[in-house]
Amino acid sequence: MHRAFSHLADGLIVRSLRLRGIRRRLLDHPDGRVHALAVTGRGPLPPVLVLHGLGSCAADEARLIKALVPACRAVYAVDLPGHGHSTPPPDGRIAAGADALAGALGQLTDEPVVVIGNSLGCLAAIRVAQARPDLVAGLFLLAPGGAPMTQDELEAATAIFRHASHADVLHFLDRMFFTTPGVRHAAAWVIRGRALRPGLRVAVQQASTDDLLVPTDLAGLPMPVEVLWGEHERLLPAHGRDFFEAHLPAGSVRTAHGLGHTPQHQDLRFVVAEARRFLERVAAR
């Protein structure tokens, strides 16, 4: 029942994209396909690629996509491997999907983009930047995942995508949003349905601390990077912020006051203003 409800809800979200002027594309690669969204921008700033978090999909970021259109030349978003309409990597591990994402980006544009990621999407953004630095002009990371964790911490962060009750998912939403969304019960049904999809279940079960970042992954990035870490982050361990602060240039990590794990869903105006400031900095280079 949860899978059917989730499938129906996701179908309605995807069909609404056309009404918002957002185009869909299916991009083939040797191991499957990547589902992408694209919209032509109206502004002078660099194009943007939006990457969602664990258990989400590109369509969930439609409000952020549309809010960036007035400022940027183009805005793109993709479903991470094993999410939405993108096929899982051959070995089932999300961390192995960076090549597919990099290949999809190369099909979407030949102009360097600024990648805006949230949570797991930040880890994916960094891996794409490592694979195709020629196509990544900057990284704007919202509550980034990927910092080193113990196996217990990793399992705790992904627990609701394993075997979770409705009450567990509601608690997860409260931790993720900080201020409880008014549609939390419907959102919980969607998340539980997504968690039952085979590709995502396998990816979560195979998640390993070996997939996470090491200091040289950050130190080797040639493009500007900025991190917004929510003041009320309650999903990721606090030492994750310390990791990014220690291994990125001074001033790269800033606090999003009053916000939690998904700043773009809690205060869209603030996040877009901060993203535009970063985009202007990248454009000035």
Foldseek 3Di string as FASTA:
>chain_A
DLLVLLVVVLVVLVVCVVVVQKDWDWADDPFWTKIKIKHAAQADFEEEEEEEAALDFFSVCSVLLSVCRPHYRMYMYIGQDLGDPHHHGPVLASLVRLVVVLVVLVVVDQAAHEYEYAADRQLSVLSVCVVCVNRHQEYEYELYHQFFDDPVLLCQLCVLLEDDDLVRQLVVQCLQWVPHDPCSSSVSSNSNSSSPDVSSVSNSVPDDSVSGDDLVSQLVRPHYAAYEAEPSERRHDPCSLVSCCVRHPHPRYDYDYPGYRCVCVRPVVVVSVVVSVVSVVSVVD
